Amino acid sequence: MNELIKNFEALLTQGQDNALLRFGLGNAYFKQKDFAQAAQHFAKAIEFNPKYSAAWKNYGKALSENQQIQEAIEVYTQGITVAEEQGDKQAAKEMMVFLKRLQKMVNNR
C-alpha cells in the first residue's frame, strides 16, 4: 500500500470521513489498478455528496475497468444527469463519451 493510501486510511480511522477524502482514496486505489476498492470509495463519496460530478465520472471508470459494465452504464447515466444539473458540461460530455463506448461494446457482444 502506498504512502498516500496509508495517510488517507489513517484519516478515515480518525473519523474524518467525507466526500473529498473518499474521492482521494478512490483515485489513489484507481492509480494502483485496484478498481474494486476505487469503486467503493467513489460510491461513498457520492453518498456524502450526490452532486459530485467528478466522483460520478471516476466511479463509472472504476466500474468499467473492473468489468462491471452494466453498473458502469447506470452510473454514467446518473452522473450525466447530475453533471448537467450542476452545469458541469465538461464532466457530462466526458461521461457521455464513456457511456457511448460501453453501450457500443454491449451491443456488439
C-alpha atoms as a PDB file:
ATOM      1  CA  MET A   1       0.000   0.000   0.000  1.00  0.00           C
ATOM      2  CA  ASN A   2       1.458   3.347  -0.930  1.00  0.00           C
ATOM      3  CA  GLU A   3       2.027   6.246   1.438  1.00  0.00           C
ATOM      4  CA  LEU A   4      -0.898   8.316   0.153  1.00  0.00           C
ATOM      5  CA  ILE A   5      -3.356   5.488   0.744  1.00  0.00           C
ATOM      6  CA  LYS A   6      -1.920   4.922   4.233  1.00  0.00           C
ATOM      7  CA  ASN A   7      -2.403   8.603   5.049  1.00  0.00           C
ATOM      8  CA  PHE A   8      -5.965   8.642   3.727  1.00  0.00           C
ATOM      9  CA  GLU A   9      -6.814   5.413   5.564  1.00  0.00           C
ATOM     10  CA  ALA A  10      -5.384   6.920   8.770  1.00  0.00           C
ATOM     11  CA  LEU A  11      -7.707   9.913   8.396  1.00  0.00           C
ATOM     12  CA  LEU A  12     -10.640   7.526   7.964  1.00  0.00           C
ATOM     13  CA  THR A  13      -9.622   5.675  11.105  1.00  0.00           C
ATOM     14  CA  GLN A  14      -9.612   9.004  12.952  1.00  0.00           C
ATOM     15  CA  GLY A  15     -13.211   9.535  11.880  1.00  0.00           C
ATOM     16  CA  GLN A  16     -12.559  12.193   9.233  1.00  0.00           C
ATOM     17  CA  ASP A  17     -14.844  10.665   6.639  1.00  0.00           C
ATOM     18  CA  ASN A  18     -16.110  12.947   3.862  1.00  0.00           C
ATOM     19  CA  ALA A  19     -16.637  13.140   0.097  1.00  0.00           C
ATOM     20  CA  LEU A  20     -13.249  14.663  -0.671  1.00  0.00           C
ATOM     21  CA  LEU A  21     -11.357  12.069   1.367  1.00  0.00           C
ATOM     22  CA  ARG A  22     -13.268   9.238  -0.311  1.00  0.00           C
ATOM     23  CA  PHE A  23     -12.629  10.791  -3.729  1.00  0.00           C
ATOM     24  CA  GLY A  24      -8.902  10.967  -2.957  1.00  0.00           C
ATOM     25  CA  LEU A  25      -8.871   7.363  -1.774  1.00  0.00           C
ATOM     26  CA  GLY A  26     -10.751   6.275  -4.877  1.00  0.00           C
ATOM     27  CA  ASN A  27      -8.205   7.994  -7.106  1.00  0.00           C
ATOM     28  CA  ALA A  28      -5.278   6.502  -5.180  1.00  0.00           C
ATOM     29  CA  TYR A  29      -6.673   2.972  -5.473  1.00  0.00           C
ATOM     30  CA  PHE A  30      -7.510   3.555  -9.144  1.00  0.00           C
ATOM     31  CA  LYS A  31      -3.892   4.510  -9.853  1.00  0.00           C
ATOM     32  CA  GLN A  32      -2.839   1.212  -8.249  1.00  0.00           C
ATOM     33  CA  LYS A  33      -5.332  -0.586 -10.502  1.00  0.00           C
ATOM     34  CA  ASP A  34      -7.385  -1.741  -7.513  1.00  0.00           C
ATOM     35  CA  PHE A  35     -10.603  -0.889  -9.305  1.00  0.00           C
ATOM     36  CA  ALA A  36     -12.951  -2.642  -6.876  1.00  0.00           C
ATOM     37  CA  GLN A  37     -11.609  -0.622  -3.922  1.00  0.00           C
ATOM     38  CA  ALA A  38     -11.639   2.552  -6.012  1.00  0.00           C
ATOM     39  CA  ALA A  39     -15.284   1.999  -6.947  1.00  0.00           C
ATOM     40  CA  GLN A  40     -16.257   1.518  -3.295  1.00  0.00           C
ATOM     41  CA  HIS A  41     -14.663   4.820  -2.304  1.00  0.00           C
ATOM     42  CA  PHE A  42     -16.193   6.737  -5.232  1.00  0.00           C
ATOM     43  CA  ALA A  43     -19.600   5.306  -4.296  1.00  0.00           C
ATOM     44  CA  LYS A  44     -19.075   6.520  -0.729  1.00  0.00           C
ATOM     45  CA  ALA A  45     -18.058   9.975  -1.993  1.00  0.00           C
ATOM     46  CA  ILE A  46     -21.356  10.132  -3.877  1.00  0.00           C
ATOM     47  CA  GLU A  47     -23.251   9.108  -0.743  1.00  0.00           C
ATOM     48  CA  PHE A  48     -21.720  12.110   1.022  1.00  0.00           C
ATOM     49  CA  ASN A  49     -22.309  14.431  -1.933  1.00  0.00           C
ATOM     50  CA  PRO A  50     -24.714  13.171  -4.608  1.00  0.00           C
ATOM     51  CA  LYS A  51     -23.898  16.235  -6.769  1.00  0.00           C
ATOM     52  CA  TYR A  52     -20.157  15.460  -7.035  1.00  0.00           C
ATOM     53  CA  SER A  53     -19.782  15.159 -10.837  1.00  0.00           C
ATOM     54  CA  ALA A  54     -16.126  14.107 -10.773  1.00  0.00           C
ATOM     55  CA  ALA A  55     -16.924  11.300  -8.332  1.00  0.00           C
ATOM     56  CA  TRP A  56     -19.676  10.031 -10.643  1.00  0.00           C
ATOM     57  CA  LYS A  57     -17.285  10.078 -13.602  1.00  0.00           C
ATOM     58  CA  ASN A  58     -14.497   8.252 -11.762  1.00  0.00           C
ATOM     59  CA  TYR A  59     -16.970   5.798 -10.220  1.00  0.00           C
ATOM     60  CA  GLY A  60     -18.086   4.838 -13.717  1.00  0.00           C
ATOM     61  CA  LYS A  61     -14.472   4.478 -14.855  1.00  0.00           C
ATOM     62  CA  ALA A  62     -13.595   2.241 -11.917  1.00  0.00           C
ATOM     63  CA  LEU A  63     -16.618   0.023 -12.531  1.00  0.00           C
ATOM     64  CA  SER A  64     -15.795  -0.175 -16.216  1.00  0.00           C
ATOM     65  CA  GLU A  65     -12.170  -1.111 -15.530  1.00  0.00           C
ATOM     66  CA  ASN A  66     -13.437  -3.738 -13.082  1.00  0.00           C
ATOM     67  CA  GLN A  67     -15.548  -5.235 -15.907  1.00  0.00           C
ATOM     68  CA  GLN A  68     -18.806  -4.207 -14.209  1.00  0.00           C
ATOM     69  CA  ILE A  69     -20.113  -2.849 -17.491  1.00  0.00           C
ATOM     70  CA  GLN A  70     -23.846  -2.704 -16.754  1.00  0.00           C
ATOM     71  CA  GLU A  71     -23.204  -0.977 -13.425  1.00  0.00           C
ATOM     72  CA  ALA A  72     -20.877   1.496 -15.133  1.00  0.00           C
ATOM     73  CA  ILE A  73     -23.569   2.287 -17.711  1.00  0.00           C
ATOM     74  CA  GLU A  74     -26.054   3.002 -14.908  1.00  0.00           C
ATOM     75  CA  VAL A  75     -23.556   5.179 -13.034  1.00  0.00           C
ATOM     76  CA  TYR A  76     -22.646   7.177 -16.137  1.00  0.00           C
ATOM     77  CA  THR A  77     -26.326   7.682 -16.937  1.00  0.00           C
ATOM     78  CA  GLN A  78     -26.985   9.060 -13.445  1.00  0.00           C
ATOM     79  CA  GLY A  79     -23.728  11.007 -13.462  1.00  0.00           C
ATOM     80  CA  ILE A  80     -24.571  12.764 -16.718  1.00  0.00           C
ATOM     81  CA  THR A  81     -27.877  13.932 -15.239  1.00  0.00           C
ATOM     82  CA  VAL A  82     -26.121  15.201 -12.116  1.00  0.00           C
ATOM     83  CA  ALA A  83     -23.381  16.953 -14.101  1.00  0.00           C
ATOM     84  CA  GLU A  84     -25.929  18.637 -16.377  1.00  0.00           C
ATOM     85  CA  GLU A  85     -27.949  19.809 -13.365  1.00  0.00           C
ATOM     86  CA  GLN A  86     -24.744  21.262 -11.876  1.00  0.00           C
ATOM     87  CA  GLY A  87     -23.820  22.978 -15.129  1.00  0.00           C
ATOM     88  CA  ASP A  88     -20.693  20.829 -15.298  1.00  0.00           C
ATOM     89  CA  LYS A  89     -20.691  20.494 -19.074  1.00  0.00           C
ATOM     90  CA  GLN A  90     -17.188  19.029 -19.377  1.00  0.00           C
ATOM     91  CA  ALA A  91     -17.872  16.153 -16.960  1.00  0.00           C
ATOM     92  CA  ALA A  92     -21.210  15.463 -18.671  1.00  0.00           C
ATOM     93  CA  LYS A  93     -19.527  15.411 -22.080  1.00  0.00           C
ATOM     94  CA  GLU A  94     -16.783  13.035 -20.901  1.00  0.00           C
ATOM     95  CA  MET A  95     -19.281  10.689 -19.300  1.00  0.00           C
ATOM     96  CA  MET A  96     -21.366  10.674 -22.498  1.00  0.00           C
ATOM     97  CA  VAL A  97     -18.309   9.557 -24.468  1.00  0.00           C
ATOM     98  CA  PHE A  98     -17.565   6.772 -21.964  1.00  0.00           C
ATOM     99  CA  LEU A  99     -21.243   5.762 -21.876  1.00  0.00           C
ATOM    100  CA  LYS A 100     -21.480   5.508 -25.676  1.00  0.00           C
ATOM    101  CA  ARG A 101     -18.343   3.344 -25.796  1.00  0.00           C
ATOM    102  CA  LEU A 102     -19.768   0.956 -23.207  1.00  0.00           C
ATOM    103  CA  GLN A 103     -23.157   0.801 -24.909  1.00  0.00           C
ATOM    104  CA  LYS A 104     -21.448   0.052 -28.231  1.00  0.00           C
ATOM    105  CA  MET A 105     -19.403  -2.696 -26.549  1.00  0.00           C
ATOM    106  CA  VAL A 106     -22.547  -4.249 -25.044  1.00  0.00           C
ATOM    107  CA  ASN A 107     -24.420  -4.071 -28.355  1.00  0.00           C
ATOM    108  CA  ASN A 108     -21.544  -5.746 -30.223  1.00  0.00           C
ATOM    109  CA  ARG A 109     -21.470  -8.794 -27.941  1.00  0.00           C
END
